[in-house]
Amino acid sequence: MKSNLPKVLHPLCGRPMVSYAADAVRRAGVRRPVLVVGADGAAVRAALGTRVGYAVQRRPLGTGHAVAQALPRLRGHRLTYVLYADMPLVSPATLRALGEAVRGDVVAALATTIVQHDHRFGRIVRDDLQRFRRIVEDKDATPEERAIREVNLGAYCFRVPELRRVLQRIRPTNRQREYYLTDAVNLLAEDGLVVTVTVTDPDEAIGINSRAELSEAARAMRRRILERLMESGVSVVDPATTFVDATVRIGRDTVIHPMTILTGRTEVGPDCVIGPGARIHDSVVGRGVRVQDSWLEEARLGDGSVVGPYAHLRHGTVVGRGVEIGNYAEMKQVRVGDRTKVHHKSYLGDAWIGADVNIGAGTITCNYGLDRKKHRTTIGDGAYIGSDSMLVAPVRIGRGAITGAGAVVTKDVPPRSVAVGVPARVIRVLDGKR
């Protein structure tokens, strides 16, 4: 991978690739998977926490040696799955099929698939009756063996007692000088019955050892994610140009337009129209919301609100119901009340804005003071902020107050008052009282 990040922690559709393998075995019925890590596995432990157990392989002596380190965690278990952490697309259905195959005289089952091109996976060698005989690793295969198109997928189910015994017999007599797990499978095939389970989905054969293969896996994973969404009632106009992380949730009858990217812990409600050109990260979008050509990060949108085009809602922004946020508006750490309108090139930061407020084009909250601290602007319900107003925080605009176009407001404006000028001054009170 040519990376400082451990391979299994490289992100795949919003999650570390290893988490998919862990989820697959959990969904196949394993209560708590065991992850074999290296001596420097602190980053992996920090990423996965207590969701899995751990075994440590202090020296990288091969796959068979790695599995042997997990044996103490398997006491009392009759069967165990073994799955490589860099194969994120192996399905729970495949694992369940392997478990169901290990019955009667069968001591192990392995998943195989047919490939149409050269592959680095081990080849499956069969006898004249098409019974499984052995696996030959790609690096150790003869030209004739490399021509075999049936390959070992790298997913297994073993009877634990037989696995424990056979791992003591394997030796590093290969070009890599490693203890191969496949050698253990071959020894089991000599002593007992080993069967194969054929996998027909080519995506399950995608393993990751390079950035190019990570990209290939991401394309396949995105396709799965979008297919699941469409099956659940979400319309995806163009899957080829739509990117949705595995951690995203989207409600029924929502339409996702092209060039939309939904990432992180984003939740989109039902009956929304998202995109084209929307980018939403770690945000919550309510029912019936419209987001077009805009960027949301760590924001919340209430039901029926409209955003864009070209708006930017930054972290800490909470928008009420029926709000309109227009083109080139930007917000950060802002609370916006119901039915408020924020249009045309406005910047609102560190502000509390009431309901039914109109924010005129070009309005700016000047929230960064000479003391190098952020200060709050508060705008009451029903206020009207004229175009190009500058609100110099800390400042409070009262309920129903008005600022004139181009006003620079440095002092609080009382409720139902009109303030104009630079600096702004109150020129009248709407109810006739001063």
Protein backbone atom coordinates (compact mmCIF):
# COMPACT_ATOMS: atom_id res chain seq x y z
CA MET A 1 0.00 0.00 0.00
CA LYS A 2 3.04 2.28 0.47
CA SER A 3 1.40 3.87 3.49
CA ASN A 4 2.03 4.65 7.16
CA LEU A 5 -1.51 3.42 7.86
CA PRO A 6 -1.95 -0.32 8.47
CA LYS A 7 -3.48 -1.87 5.37
CA VAL A 8 -6.60 -3.17 7.10
CA LEU A 9 -7.41 0.34 8.39
CA HIS A 10 -7.54 1.95 4.96
CA PRO A 11 -11.05 3.37 4.57
CA LEU A 12 -13.49 1.63 2.28
CA CYS A 13 -16.80 3.46 1.78
CA GLY A 14 -16.46 5.18 5.12
CA ARG A 15 -15.23 2.27 7.24
CA PRO A 16 -11.89 0.49 7.80
CA MET A 17 -11.72 -2.46 5.44
CA VAL A 18 -11.24 -4.91 8.33
CA SER A 19 -14.63 -3.98 9.78
CA TYR A 20 -16.41 -5.62 6.84
CA ALA A 21 -14.77 -8.98 7.52
CA ALA A 22 -15.63 -8.68 11.21
CA ASP A 23 -19.25 -7.85 10.35
CA ALA A 24 -19.49 -10.77 7.93
CA VAL A 25 -18.53 -13.35 10.56
CA ARG A 26 -20.80 -11.72 13.15
CA ARG A 27 -23.72 -11.89 10.74
CA ALA A 28 -22.82 -15.52 10.06
CA GLY A 29 -23.41 -16.25 13.75
CA VAL A 30 -20.08 -15.57 15.48
CA ARG A 31 -20.66 -13.67 18.71
CA ARG A 32 -17.18 -12.14 19.04
CA PRO A 33 -14.62 -12.58 16.26
CA VAL A 34 -10.90 -12.88 17.01
CA LEU A 35 -8.61 -10.62 15.01
CA VAL A 36 -4.96 -11.66 14.66
CA VAL A 37 -2.77 -8.54 14.77
CA GLY A 38 0.96 -7.89 14.66
CA ALA A 39 3.06 -6.81 17.59
CA ASP A 40 2.51 -3.19 16.53
CA GLY A 41 -1.29 -3.57 16.31
CA ALA A 42 -2.15 -0.62 18.58
CA ALA A 43 -3.75 1.38 15.75
CA VAL A 44 -5.96 -1.55 14.78
CA ARG A 45 -7.01 -2.07 18.39
CA ALA A 46 -7.83 1.63 18.72
CA ALA A 47 -9.97 1.54 15.58
CA LEU A 48 -12.00 -1.58 16.42
CA GLY A 49 -12.02 -1.39 20.21
CA THR A 50 -13.87 -4.16 22.03
CA ARG A 51 -16.00 -5.22 19.06
CA VAL A 52 -13.53 -8.06 18.46
CA GLY A 53 -11.09 -10.10 20.51
CA TYR A 54 -7.39 -10.08 19.70
CA ALA A 55 -4.56 -12.55 19.24
CA VAL A 56 -1.00 -11.36 18.60
CA GLN A 57 1.35 -12.69 15.94
CA ARG A 58 4.66 -11.23 17.07
CA ARG A 59 6.58 -12.35 13.98
CA PRO A 60 5.05 -12.49 10.47
CA LEU A 61 5.64 -16.17 9.79
CA GLY A 62 2.67 -16.83 7.53
CA THR A 63 -1.06 -17.45 7.58
CA GLY A 64 -0.88 -20.85 9.29
CA HIS A 65 1.26 -19.37 12.05
CA ALA A 66 -1.23 -16.50 12.42
CA VAL A 67 -4.16 -18.88 12.89
CA ALA A 68 -2.16 -20.86 15.46
CA GLN A 69 -1.91 -17.72 17.60
CA ALA A 70 -5.70 -17.62 17.83
CA LEU A 71 -6.10 -21.23 18.96
CA PRO A 72 -6.11 -20.41 22.71
CA ARG A 73 -9.21 -18.26 22.06
CA LEU A 74 -11.02 -21.22 20.49
CA ARG A 75 -11.18 -23.55 23.47
CA GLY A 76 -14.60 -25.11 23.81
CA HIS A 77 -15.59 -24.36 20.20
CA ARG A 78 -16.39 -27.12 17.73
CA LEU A 79 -16.10 -25.05 14.52
CA THR A 80 -14.28 -21.89 13.50
CA TYR A 81 -14.32 -19.68 10.43
CA VAL A 82 -11.07 -18.24 9.11
CA LEU A 83 -11.25 -15.17 6.89
CA TYR A 84 -8.62 -12.74 5.63
CA ALA A 85 -9.11 -9.18 6.84
CA ASP A 86 -8.21 -7.72 3.43
CA MET A 87 -11.16 -9.44 1.69
CA PRO A 88 -14.06 -7.15 2.64
CA LEU A 89 -16.62 -8.44 0.14
CA VAL A 90 -16.91 -12.06 1.34
CA SER A 91 -20.55 -12.42 2.34
CA PRO A 92 -22.16 -13.87 5.46
CA ALA A 93 -24.07 -16.23 3.14
CA THR A 94 -20.79 -17.72 1.93
CA LEU A 95 -19.61 -18.24 5.51
CA ARG A 96 -22.89 -19.84 6.54
CA ALA A 97 -22.65 -22.19 3.55
CA LEU A 98 -19.15 -23.21 4.66
CA GLY A 99 -20.40 -23.91 8.18
CA GLU A 100 -23.26 -26.01 6.87
CA ALA A 101 -20.84 -28.02 4.71
CA VAL A 102 -18.77 -29.17 7.71
CA ARG A 103 -20.90 -32.09 8.85
CA GLY A 104 -20.59 -35.85 9.00
CA ASP A 105 -17.07 -36.89 7.93
CA VAL A 106 -16.18 -33.42 6.58
CA VAL A 107 -13.41 -31.77 8.61
CA ALA A 108 -13.04 -28.54 6.62
CA ALA A 109 -14.69 -26.53 3.87
CA LEU A 110 -13.20 -23.78 1.74
CA ALA A 111 -14.72 -21.25 -0.63
CA THR A 112 -13.61 -21.32 -4.26
CA THR A 113 -14.51 -19.34 -7.34
CA ILE A 114 -13.80 -19.44 -11.08
CA VAL A 115 -11.74 -16.59 -12.53
CA GLN A 116 -11.26 -15.74 -16.20
CA HIS A 117 -7.82 -14.17 -15.91
CA ASP A 118 -4.53 -14.68 -14.12
CA HIS A 119 -4.95 -14.37 -10.38
CA ARG A 120 -2.59 -14.34 -7.41
CA PHE A 121 -4.84 -16.68 -5.39
CA GLY A 122 -3.93 -20.33 -4.85
CA ARG A 123 -5.16 -22.83 -7.44
CA ILE A 124 -7.53 -25.71 -6.61
CA VAL A 125 -6.16 -29.08 -7.71
CA ARG A 126 -8.71 -31.92 -8.07
CA ASP A 127 -8.42 -35.63 -8.79
CA ASP A 128 -9.95 -37.46 -11.74
CA LEU A 129 -13.27 -37.66 -9.91
CA GLN A 130 -13.19 -33.87 -9.34
CA ARG A 131 -12.68 -34.30 -5.60
CA PHE A 132 -10.59 -31.69 -3.82
CA ARG A 133 -6.96 -32.76 -3.41
CA ARG A 134 -4.89 -29.70 -2.56
CA ILE A 135 -4.24 -25.95 -2.91
CA VAL A 136 -1.14 -24.73 -4.72
CA GLU A 137 -0.08 -21.17 -3.90
CA ASP A 138 0.42 -18.95 -6.94
CA LYS A 139 4.10 -18.36 -6.18
CA ASP A 140 4.74 -22.10 -5.88
CA ALA A 141 2.61 -23.23 -8.83
CA THR A 142 3.94 -24.78 -12.04
CA PRO A 143 2.85 -23.25 -15.38
CA GLU A 144 0.28 -26.04 -15.74
CA GLU A 145 -1.11 -25.36 -12.28
CA ARG A 146 -1.25 -21.61 -12.94
CA ALA A 147 -3.52 -22.36 -15.89
CA ILE A 148 -6.20 -23.68 -13.50
CA ARG A 149 -9.07 -21.20 -13.30
CA GLU A 150 -10.59 -22.40 -10.01
CA VAL A 151 -8.96 -20.51 -7.15
CA ASN A 152 -9.03 -20.47 -3.38
CA LEU A 153 -11.05 -17.52 -2.12
CA GLY A 154 -9.44 -17.50 1.34
CA ALA A 155 -12.55 -18.21 3.44
CA TYR A 156 -12.70 -21.45 5.46
CA CYS A 157 -14.59 -23.36 8.09
CA PHE A 158 -12.68 -25.92 10.18
CA ARG A 159 -13.40 -28.38 12.91
CA VAL A 160 -11.30 -26.93 15.72
CA PRO A 161 -9.76 -30.18 17.09
CA GLU A 162 -8.56 -31.25 13.63
CA LEU A 163 -7.29 -27.75 12.88
CA ARG A 164 -5.37 -27.68 16.15
CA ARG A 165 -3.65 -30.99 15.36
CA VAL A 166 -2.79 -30.22 11.75
CA LEU A 167 -1.29 -26.79 12.48
CA GLN A 168 1.40 -28.56 14.51
CA ARG A 169 2.41 -30.53 11.42
CA ILE A 170 2.91 -27.81 8.80
CA ARG A 171 6.45 -26.71 7.91
CA PRO A 172 7.82 -23.64 6.05
CA THR A 173 9.02 -25.67 3.06
CA ASN A 174 8.11 -23.14 0.37
CA ARG A 175 9.64 -20.18 -1.44
CA GLN A 176 8.35 -17.72 1.16
CA ARG A 177 9.69 -19.76 4.11
CA GLU A 178 6.31 -19.32 5.79
CA TYR A 179 3.77 -21.54 7.52
CA TYR A 180 0.91 -21.65 5.02
CA LEU A 181 -2.63 -22.18 6.20
CA THR A 182 -3.23 -23.83 2.83
CA ASP A 183 -0.68 -26.51 3.78
CA ALA A 184 -2.89 -27.30 6.78
CA VAL A 185 -5.86 -27.66 4.42
CA ASN A 186 -3.85 -30.00 2.21
CA LEU A 187 -2.88 -32.18 5.18
CA LEU A 188 -6.50 -32.36 6.27
CA ALA A 189 -7.43 -33.49 2.76
CA GLU A 190 -4.97 -36.39 3.12
CA ASP A 191 -6.41 -37.48 6.46
CA GLY A 192 -10.08 -36.65 6.09
CA LEU A 193 -12.70 -35.15 3.86
CA VAL A 194 -12.34 -31.51 2.70
CA VAL A 195 -15.04 -30.02 0.51
CA THR A 196 -15.42 -26.80 -1.46
CA VAL A 197 -18.24 -24.28 -1.69
CA THR A 198 -18.43 -22.44 -5.02
CA VAL A 199 -18.95 -18.67 -4.87
CA THR A 200 -20.56 -17.18 -7.98
CA ASP A 201 -20.32 -13.48 -7.12
CA PRO A 202 -16.96 -12.30 -8.56
CA ASP A 203 -16.87 -9.36 -6.14
CA GLU A 204 -16.24 -11.74 -3.25
CA ALA A 205 -12.88 -12.59 -4.79
CA ILE A 206 -11.61 -9.02 -4.53
CA GLY A 207 -8.65 -8.88 -2.17
CA ILE A 208 -6.75 -5.71 -1.36
CA ASN A 209 -2.98 -5.45 -1.57
CA SER A 210 -2.64 -2.15 -3.44
CA ARG A 211 -4.31 1.23 -3.89
CA ALA A 212 -5.65 0.06 -7.25
CA GLU A 213 -7.30 -2.98 -5.64
CA LEU A 214 -8.70 -0.73 -2.88
CA SER A 215 -10.34 1.37 -5.60
CA GLU A 216 -11.73 -1.76 -7.26
CA ALA A 217 -13.19 -2.92 -3.94
CA ALA A 218 -14.70 0.52 -3.35
CA ARG A 219 -16.50 0.40 -6.70
CA ALA A 220 -17.95 -3.01 -5.88
CA MET A 221 -18.92 -1.94 -2.35
CA ARG A 222 -20.62 1.24 -3.63
CA ARG A 223 -22.59 -0.86 -6.09
CA ARG A 224 -23.80 -3.09 -3.22
CA ILE A 225 -24.71 -0.08 -1.09
CA LEU A 226 -26.70 1.61 -3.86
CA GLU A 227 -28.49 -1.62 -4.77
CA ARG A 228 -29.57 -2.05 -1.14
CA LEU A 229 -30.81 1.55 -1.05
CA MET A 230 -32.82 1.14 -4.24
CA GLU A 231 -34.32 -2.10 -2.92
CA SER A 232 -35.42 -0.17 0.18
CA GLY A 233 -37.27 2.50 -1.83
CA VAL A 234 -34.62 5.13 -2.57
CA SER A 235 -34.26 6.40 -6.14
CA VAL A 236 -30.68 6.74 -7.38
CA VAL A 237 -30.78 8.54 -10.74
CA ASP A 238 -27.22 7.64 -11.81
CA PRO A 239 -25.40 5.07 -9.66
CA ALA A 240 -22.17 5.58 -11.61
CA THR A 241 -21.83 9.15 -10.32
CA THR A 242 -23.31 8.69 -6.84
CA PHE A 243 -21.11 7.96 -3.81
CA VAL A 244 -22.71 6.77 -0.56
CA ASP A 245 -20.80 5.43 2.45
CA ALA A 246 -21.85 2.22 4.16
CA THR A 247 -22.59 4.25 7.30
CA VAL A 248 -25.24 6.47 5.62
CA ARG A 249 -28.98 5.96 6.18
CA ILE A 250 -31.58 7.22 3.67
CA GLY A 251 -35.38 7.18 3.95
CA ARG A 252 -37.94 5.87 1.51
CA ASP A 253 -38.96 7.89 -1.59
CA THR A 254 -35.88 10.09 -1.40
CA VAL A 255 -34.28 10.86 -4.77
CA ILE A 256 -30.49 11.05 -5.08
CA HIS A 257 -29.35 12.98 -8.17
CA PRO A 258 -25.96 12.61 -9.92
CA MET A 259 -22.65 13.89 -8.52
CA THR A 260 -23.87 13.51 -4.93
CA ILE A 261 -21.52 12.35 -2.15
CA LEU A 262 -22.99 11.21 1.19
CA THR A 263 -20.40 10.24 3.80
CA GLY A 264 -19.89 9.51 7.49
CA ARG A 265 -22.81 9.19 9.90
CA THR A 266 -25.22 11.01 7.61
CA GLU A 267 -28.96 10.39 7.94
CA VAL A 268 -31.37 11.54 5.24
CA GLY A 269 -35.09 11.36 5.89
CA PRO A 270 -37.87 10.24 3.53
CA ASP A 271 -39.24 12.24 0.58
CA CYS A 272 -36.08 14.31 0.13
CA VAL A 273 -34.42 15.45 -3.09
CA ILE A 274 -30.64 15.45 -2.74
CA GLY A 275 -28.41 16.86 -5.50
CA PRO A 276 -27.30 17.18 -8.12
CA GLY A 277 -23.89 18.10 -6.79
CA ALA A 278 -24.63 17.76 -3.07
CA ARG A 279 -21.94 16.79 -0.58
CA ILE A 280 -23.22 15.85 2.89
CA HIS A 281 -20.99 14.58 5.71
CA ASP A 282 -21.95 13.57 9.27
CA SER A 283 -25.23 15.45 8.99
CA VAL A 284 -28.91 14.85 9.72
CA VAL A 285 -31.45 15.82 7.06
CA GLY A 286 -35.16 15.78 7.93
CA ARG A 287 -38.21 14.80 5.90
CA GLY A 288 -38.95 16.49 2.57
CA VAL A 289 -35.71 18.47 2.41
CA ARG A 290 -34.18 19.77 -0.85
CA VAL A 291 -30.37 20.14 -1.09
CA GLN A 292 -28.89 21.20 -4.43
CA ASP A 293 -25.20 21.82 -5.29
CA SER A 294 -24.32 22.47 -1.65
CA TRP A 295 -22.00 21.21 1.07
CA LEU A 296 -23.16 20.19 4.55
CA GLU A 297 -20.77 19.04 7.28
CA GLU A 298 -21.93 18.18 10.81
CA ALA A 299 -25.19 20.10 10.27
CA ARG A 300 -28.87 19.38 10.95
CA LEU A 301 -31.74 20.33 8.65
CA GLY A 302 -35.37 20.40 9.75
CA ASP A 303 -38.30 19.05 7.76
CA GLY A 304 -39.20 20.84 4.54
CA SER A 305 -36.15 23.09 4.38
CA VAL A 306 -34.44 24.04 1.12
CA VAL A 307 -30.70 24.54 0.71
CA GLY A 308 -28.75 25.85 -2.28
CA PRO A 309 -27.51 26.10 -4.79
CA TYR A 310 -23.93 26.63 -3.61
CA ALA A 311 -24.56 26.98 0.11
CA HIS A 312 -22.10 25.76 2.77
CA LEU A 313 -23.43 24.66 6.17
CA ARG A 314 -20.53 23.97 8.52
CA HIS A 315 -20.29 22.13 11.83
CA GLY A 316 -22.70 23.06 14.58
CA THR A 317 -25.38 24.48 12.27
CA VAL A 318 -28.94 23.52 13.24
CA VAL A 319 -31.69 24.60 10.86
CA GLY A 320 -35.38 24.51 11.72
CA ARG A 321 -38.38 23.52 9.61
CA GLY A 322 -39.37 25.21 6.36
CA VAL A 323 -36.18 27.27 6.20
CA GLU A 324 -34.82 28.62 2.91
CA ILE A 325 -31.04 28.90 2.55
CA GLY A 326 -30.06 30.37 -0.80
CA ASN A 327 -27.06 30.55 -3.08
CA TYR A 328 -23.60 31.16 -1.64
CA ALA A 329 -24.87 31.39 1.94
CA GLU A 330 -22.44 30.07 4.56
CA MET A 331 -23.17 29.16 8.19
CA LYS A 332 -21.14 27.91 11.15
CA GLN A 333 -22.34 27.26 14.71
CA VAL A 334 -25.73 28.78 13.89
CA ARG A 335 -29.24 27.97 15.08
CA VAL A 336 -31.94 28.99 12.63
CA GLY A 337 -35.62 29.11 13.59
CA ASP A 338 -38.54 27.80 11.56
CA ARG A 339 -39.50 29.48 8.26
CA THR A 340 -36.52 31.84 8.29
CA LYS A 341 -35.01 32.89 4.93
CA VAL A 342 -31.25 33.30 4.42
CA HIS A 343 -30.47 34.28 0.85
CA HIS A 344 -27.68 35.42 -1.42
CA LYS A 345 -24.06 35.48 -0.25
CA SER A 346 -24.64 35.82 3.47
CA TYR A 347 -22.23 34.64 6.17
CA LEU A 348 -23.68 33.76 9.57
CA GLY A 349 -21.34 32.49 12.28
CA ASP A 350 -21.93 31.92 16.02
CA ALA A 351 -25.50 33.18 15.79
CA TRP A 352 -28.95 32.38 17.17
CA ILE A 353 -31.64 33.34 14.71
CA GLY A 354 -35.32 33.17 15.54
CA ALA A 355 -38.31 32.07 13.49
CA ASP A 356 -39.75 33.98 10.52
CA VAL A 357 -36.61 36.10 10.12
CA ASN A 358 -35.55 37.52 6.75
CA ILE A 359 -31.79 37.78 6.25
CA GLY A 360 -31.06 40.11 3.31
CA ALA A 361 -28.44 39.47 0.66
CA GLY A 362 -24.84 40.01 1.74
CA THR A 363 -25.50 40.01 5.50
CA ILE A 364 -22.46 39.21 7.65
CA THR A 365 -22.16 38.45 11.34
CA CYS A 366 -18.76 39.85 12.36
CA ASN A 367 -18.18 37.29 15.07
CA TYR A 368 -14.40 37.51 15.57
CA GLY A 369 -13.47 40.32 17.98
CA LEU A 370 -10.33 42.30 18.71
CA ASP A 371 -9.90 40.07 21.76
CA ARG A 372 -9.40 37.16 19.33
CA LYS A 373 -12.53 35.43 20.58
CA LYS A 374 -15.76 34.46 18.84
CA HIS A 375 -18.88 36.34 19.93
CA ARG A 376 -22.56 35.63 19.43
CA THR A 377 -25.18 37.46 17.41
CA THR A 378 -28.82 36.96 18.46
CA ILE A 379 -31.68 37.86 16.12
CA GLY A 380 -35.23 37.72 17.47
CA ASP A 381 -38.32 36.26 15.83
CA GLY A 382 -39.72 38.16 12.86
CA ALA A 383 -36.74 40.48 12.45
CA TYR A 384 -35.84 41.89 9.04
CA ILE A 385 -32.14 42.28 8.27
CA GLY A 386 -31.51 44.56 5.31
CA SER A 387 -29.13 43.70 2.50
CA ASP A 388 -25.40 44.17 3.21
CA SER A 389 -25.98 44.58 6.96
CA MET A 390 -22.95 43.93 9.15
CA LEU A 391 -23.78 42.74 12.65
CA VAL A 392 -20.74 43.27 14.89
CA ALA A 393 -20.93 40.73 17.72
CA PRO A 394 -21.72 40.58 20.54
CA VAL A 395 -24.98 42.16 19.45
CA ARG A 396 -28.69 41.48 19.81
CA ILE A 397 -31.38 42.34 17.26
CA GLY A 398 -34.74 42.43 19.01
CA ARG A 399 -37.96 40.71 18.03
CA GLY A 400 -39.51 42.30 14.93
CA ALA A 401 -36.64 44.81 14.53
CA ILE A 402 -35.37 46.07 11.16
CA THR A 403 -31.91 47.04 9.96
CA GLY A 404 -31.55 49.19 6.86
CA ALA A 405 -29.50 48.21 3.84
CA GLY A 406 -25.77 48.61 4.50
CA ALA A 407 -26.21 49.14 8.25
CA VAL A 408 -23.19 48.44 10.48
CA VAL A 409 -24.79 47.39 13.77
CA THR A 410 -22.46 47.69 16.76
CA LYS A 411 -25.09 48.08 19.50
CA ASP A 412 -28.23 46.16 20.41
CA VAL A 413 -31.36 47.06 18.46
CA PRO A 414 -34.51 47.02 20.65
CA PRO A 415 -37.57 45.01 19.59
CA ARG A 416 -39.67 46.56 16.77
CA SER A 417 -37.10 49.27 16.17
CA VAL A 418 -35.55 50.46 12.91
CA ALA A 419 -31.75 50.97 12.82
CA VAL A 420 -29.86 52.47 9.87
CA GLY A 421 -26.46 53.95 9.05
CA VAL A 422 -22.79 53.49 9.81
CA PRO A 423 -22.62 52.95 12.68
CA ALA A 424 -26.30 52.08 12.87
CA ARG A 425 -28.61 54.11 15.08
CA VAL A 426 -32.28 53.65 15.91
CA ILE A 427 -34.40 56.14 13.98
CA ARG A 428 -37.83 55.02 15.10
CA VAL A 429 -39.87 52.40 16.90
CA LEU A 430 -42.54 50.70 14.85
CA ASP A 431 -45.21 50.94 17.55
CA GLY A 432 -44.57 54.70 18.04
CA LYS A 433 -42.96 54.39 21.48
CA ARG A 434 -39.34 55.27 22.31
